[in-house]
Amino acid sequence: IKVLVVGNHANTNSLIAQRNAPDINPRQFTAMTRLDHNRAMSQIANKTGTTINDVTHMTIWGNHSATQYPDLFHATVSGRAASDLVDEAWVSETFIPTVQQRGAAIIEARGLSSAASAANAATEHMRDWALGSEDAIVSMGIYSDGSYNIEPGLIYSFPCRCTAGDWAIVQGLEINEFSRARMTTTEQELIEERDAVAHLLP
């Protein structure tokens, strides 16, 4: 069994499902941040005049919510560091808020959610999980093992590489102070959500 939770609050709903199925390996429960991942790649491509095929190693950290942290400091565009191609003001004032609020902006503009984009992201998530992502880094809400000092047991989005049927957190990425603060903010939200549904967690 492989479980992908899409409905909000996706991370905490995935945690509830995982904790109520103790006979299933917790690694088999995931939450979708691939839609956010795709949106972040699109923003970078638009800003740099390239295509999403040129953007690699994008990462969404944390919760599928407005606290998520789209991290471009490890991303590349045609082999060049994405952070060298954009200015800091754009990152903090435009890029991050746009990715964080994209879902709400679409609903406000259309009166409907981006169901087709979400369906496409779900397909991509499952394809990579089942068949492997090769060298590509993908964002997945997964069971935290304490990597990057994130509280163990949360369903938290990390940069991952997938092999056939399994995933592994990409280790050894340097985390600057700007990133750490935002990773902690979204971690704290997930801790608060977990504590709020403690009665549902055996």
Protein backbone atom coordinates (compact mmCIF):
# COMPACT_ATOMS: atom_id res chain seq x y z
CA ILE A 1 0.00 0.00 0.00
CA LYS A 2 1.11 3.52 -0.79
CA VAL A 3 -0.90 6.43 0.56
CA LEU A 4 -0.89 9.95 -0.84
CA VAL A 5 -3.03 12.49 0.99
CA VAL A 6 -4.04 15.54 -1.04
CA GLY A 7 -6.95 17.03 0.93
CA ASN A 8 -6.09 19.80 3.38
CA HIS A 9 -4.73 19.75 5.93
CA ALA A 10 -2.77 17.23 3.89
CA ASN A 11 0.24 16.76 6.15
CA THR A 12 -1.74 16.34 9.36
CA ASN A 13 -4.43 14.25 7.65
CA SER A 14 -1.63 11.97 6.46
CA LEU A 15 -0.30 11.80 10.02
CA ILE A 16 -3.74 10.85 11.34
CA ALA A 17 -4.06 8.08 8.75
CA GLN A 18 -0.55 6.81 9.46
CA ARG A 19 -0.99 6.74 13.23
CA ASN A 20 -4.29 4.87 12.89
CA ALA A 21 -2.69 2.16 10.75
CA PRO A 22 0.11 0.96 13.06
CA ASP A 23 0.66 -2.26 11.11
CA ILE A 24 1.70 -0.33 8.00
CA ASN A 25 5.20 1.10 7.65
CA PRO A 26 4.92 4.86 8.30
CA ARG A 27 7.10 5.45 5.24
CA GLN A 28 4.12 4.40 3.13
CA PHE A 29 2.16 7.54 4.06
CA THR A 30 2.86 10.78 2.22
CA ALA A 31 1.31 14.21 1.74
CA MET A 32 1.41 16.10 -1.52
CA THR A 33 3.62 19.15 -1.89
CA ARG A 34 4.36 18.42 -5.54
CA LEU A 35 1.82 21.02 -6.64
CA ASP A 36 3.70 23.66 -4.64
CA HIS A 37 6.98 22.29 -6.04
CA ASN A 38 5.67 22.68 -9.60
CA ARG A 39 4.41 26.20 -8.92
CA ALA A 40 7.80 27.21 -7.51
CA MET A 41 9.59 25.86 -10.58
CA SER A 42 7.18 27.77 -12.80
CA GLN A 43 7.86 31.02 -10.93
CA ILE A 44 11.62 30.59 -11.30
CA ALA A 45 11.31 29.71 -14.99
CA ASN A 46 9.14 32.77 -15.65
CA LYS A 47 11.53 35.03 -13.78
CA THR A 48 14.61 33.76 -15.62
CA GLY A 49 13.05 33.47 -19.07
CA THR A 50 13.50 29.70 -19.19
CA THR A 51 11.20 26.67 -18.91
CA ILE A 52 10.48 24.37 -16.01
CA ASN A 53 12.56 21.74 -17.81
CA ASP A 54 15.60 23.94 -17.10
CA VAL A 55 14.87 24.16 -13.35
CA THR A 56 16.16 21.39 -11.09
CA HIS A 57 16.68 20.69 -7.38
CA MET A 58 13.75 22.79 -6.18
CA THR A 59 12.60 22.06 -2.62
CA ILE A 60 9.42 22.70 -0.67
CA TRP A 61 9.98 22.38 3.08
CA GLY A 62 7.27 21.81 5.66
CA ASN A 63 3.52 22.07 5.50
CA HIS A 64 1.21 22.25 2.51
CA SER A 65 -0.08 25.59 3.76
CA ALA A 66 0.74 29.28 3.70
CA THR A 67 3.75 28.60 5.96
CA GLN A 68 5.46 26.26 3.49
CA TYR A 69 8.96 27.30 2.51
CA PRO A 70 9.86 27.15 -1.19
CA ASP A 71 13.67 27.01 -1.10
CA LEU A 72 15.50 28.01 -4.25
CA PHE A 73 18.95 28.19 -2.68
CA HIS A 74 19.77 24.70 -3.91
CA ALA A 75 17.88 24.99 -7.19
CA THR A 76 19.62 25.38 -10.52
CA VAL A 77 18.54 26.87 -13.84
CA SER A 78 20.34 25.34 -16.80
CA GLY A 79 23.11 24.34 -14.43
CA ARG A 80 23.47 27.77 -12.81
CA ALA A 81 22.52 28.54 -9.22
CA ALA A 82 19.01 29.98 -9.23
CA SER A 83 19.91 32.32 -6.37
CA ASP A 84 22.52 33.96 -8.63
CA LEU A 85 19.91 34.76 -11.25
CA VAL A 86 17.38 36.57 -9.04
CA ASP A 87 17.62 39.27 -6.39
CA GLU A 88 16.94 38.79 -2.69
CA ALA A 89 14.01 41.19 -2.67
CA TRP A 90 12.23 39.16 -5.35
CA VAL A 91 12.78 35.96 -3.36
CA SER A 92 11.35 37.29 -0.11
CA GLU A 93 8.71 39.71 -1.42
CA THR A 94 7.42 37.96 -4.55
CA PHE A 95 8.58 34.38 -5.00
CA ILE A 96 7.89 32.95 -1.54
CA PRO A 97 4.51 34.68 -0.98
CA THR A 98 3.35 33.82 -4.51
CA VAL A 99 4.06 30.11 -4.05
CA GLN A 100 2.61 30.10 -0.53
CA GLN A 101 -0.61 31.84 -1.61
CA ARG A 102 -1.01 30.47 -5.13
CA GLY A 103 -3.86 28.13 -4.28
CA ALA A 104 -5.88 30.87 -2.57
CA ALA A 105 -5.19 33.27 -5.45
CA ILE A 106 -6.53 30.77 -7.99
CA ILE A 107 -9.69 30.15 -5.96
CA GLU A 108 -10.26 33.90 -5.63
CA ALA A 109 -9.76 34.47 -9.36
CA ARG A 110 -11.72 31.47 -10.68
CA GLY A 111 -14.05 30.60 -7.85
CA LEU A 112 -12.64 27.10 -8.19
CA SER A 113 -9.52 25.29 -7.14
CA SER A 114 -6.83 24.19 -9.59
CA ALA A 115 -8.07 20.61 -9.69
CA ALA A 116 -6.35 19.71 -12.95
CA SER A 117 -2.98 20.99 -11.70
CA ALA A 118 -3.44 19.08 -8.46
CA ALA A 119 -4.34 15.92 -10.34
CA ASN A 120 -1.26 16.28 -12.50
CA ALA A 121 0.91 16.79 -9.41
CA ALA A 122 -0.59 13.70 -7.76
CA THR A 123 0.21 11.66 -10.86
CA GLU A 124 3.80 12.94 -10.86
CA HIS A 125 4.20 12.23 -7.14
CA MET A 126 3.03 8.64 -7.50
CA ARG A 127 4.95 8.04 -10.70
CA ASP A 128 8.23 9.09 -9.14
CA TRP A 129 7.53 7.19 -5.92
CA ALA A 130 6.64 4.00 -7.78
CA LEU A 131 9.14 4.17 -10.64
CA GLY A 132 11.91 6.40 -9.31
CA SER A 133 12.85 10.03 -9.87
CA GLU A 134 16.33 9.19 -11.22
CA ASP A 135 18.61 12.06 -10.18
CA ALA A 136 15.81 14.58 -9.81
CA ILE A 137 15.03 16.03 -6.40
CA VAL A 138 11.31 16.05 -5.66
CA SER A 139 9.35 17.48 -2.75
CA MET A 140 7.28 15.04 -0.69
CA GLY A 141 5.51 15.33 2.64
CA ILE A 142 6.97 12.33 4.46
CA TYR A 143 7.58 10.87 7.90
CA SER A 144 10.32 12.91 9.54
CA ASP A 145 13.25 10.91 10.87
CA GLY A 146 14.83 13.97 12.47
CA SER A 147 16.79 15.04 9.39
CA TYR A 148 17.64 18.75 9.30
CA ASN A 149 16.62 18.91 12.99
CA ILE A 150 12.93 18.62 12.13
CA GLU A 151 10.91 16.98 14.89
CA PRO A 152 10.67 13.24 14.27
CA GLY A 153 7.25 11.81 13.49
CA LEU A 154 5.79 14.85 11.74
CA ILE A 155 4.69 14.56 8.13
CA TYR A 156 6.96 17.27 6.76
CA SER A 157 7.95 18.08 3.20
CA PHE A 158 11.60 17.34 2.45
CA PRO A 159 13.74 17.17 -0.68
CA CYS A 160 13.72 13.52 -1.74
CA ARG A 161 15.07 11.20 -4.36
CA CYS A 162 12.95 8.21 -5.22
CA THR A 163 13.96 4.74 -6.25
CA ALA A 164 11.44 2.16 -7.35
CA GLY A 165 8.86 2.12 -4.58
CA ASP A 166 10.86 4.01 -1.98
CA TRP A 167 12.17 7.48 -1.13
CA ALA A 168 15.18 8.91 0.66
CA ILE A 169 15.68 12.37 2.08
CA VAL A 170 18.47 14.26 0.33
CA GLN A 171 21.08 14.78 3.02
CA GLY A 172 23.86 17.29 3.52
CA LEU A 173 22.24 20.42 2.12
CA GLU A 174 23.61 23.59 3.67
CA ILE A 175 20.85 25.52 5.40
CA ASN A 176 21.38 29.26 5.78
CA GLU A 177 19.76 31.40 8.47
CA PHE A 178 17.11 32.71 6.08
CA SER A 179 16.02 29.15 5.29
CA ARG A 180 16.26 27.84 8.84
CA ALA A 181 13.89 30.48 10.18
CA ARG A 182 11.25 29.60 7.60
CA MET A 183 11.73 25.84 8.01
CA THR A 184 11.17 26.28 11.75
CA THR A 185 8.04 28.38 11.26
CA THR A 186 6.35 25.71 9.15
CA GLU A 187 7.57 22.97 11.52
CA GLN A 188 5.96 24.81 14.44
CA GLU A 189 2.66 24.99 12.57
CA LEU A 190 2.76 21.24 12.02
CA ILE A 191 3.49 20.66 15.71
CA GLU A 192 0.50 22.82 16.61
CA GLU A 193 -1.73 20.94 14.15
CA ARG A 194 -0.53 17.60 15.55
CA ASP A 195 -1.26 18.70 19.10
CA ALA A 196 -4.71 19.98 18.09
CA VAL A 197 -5.69 16.52 16.82
CA ALA A 198 -3.98 14.55 19.58
CA HIS A 199 -7.30 12.86 20.40
CA LEU A 200 -7.24 11.28 16.93
CA LEU A 201 -3.69 9.95 17.26
CA PRO A 202 -3.45 6.58 19.04
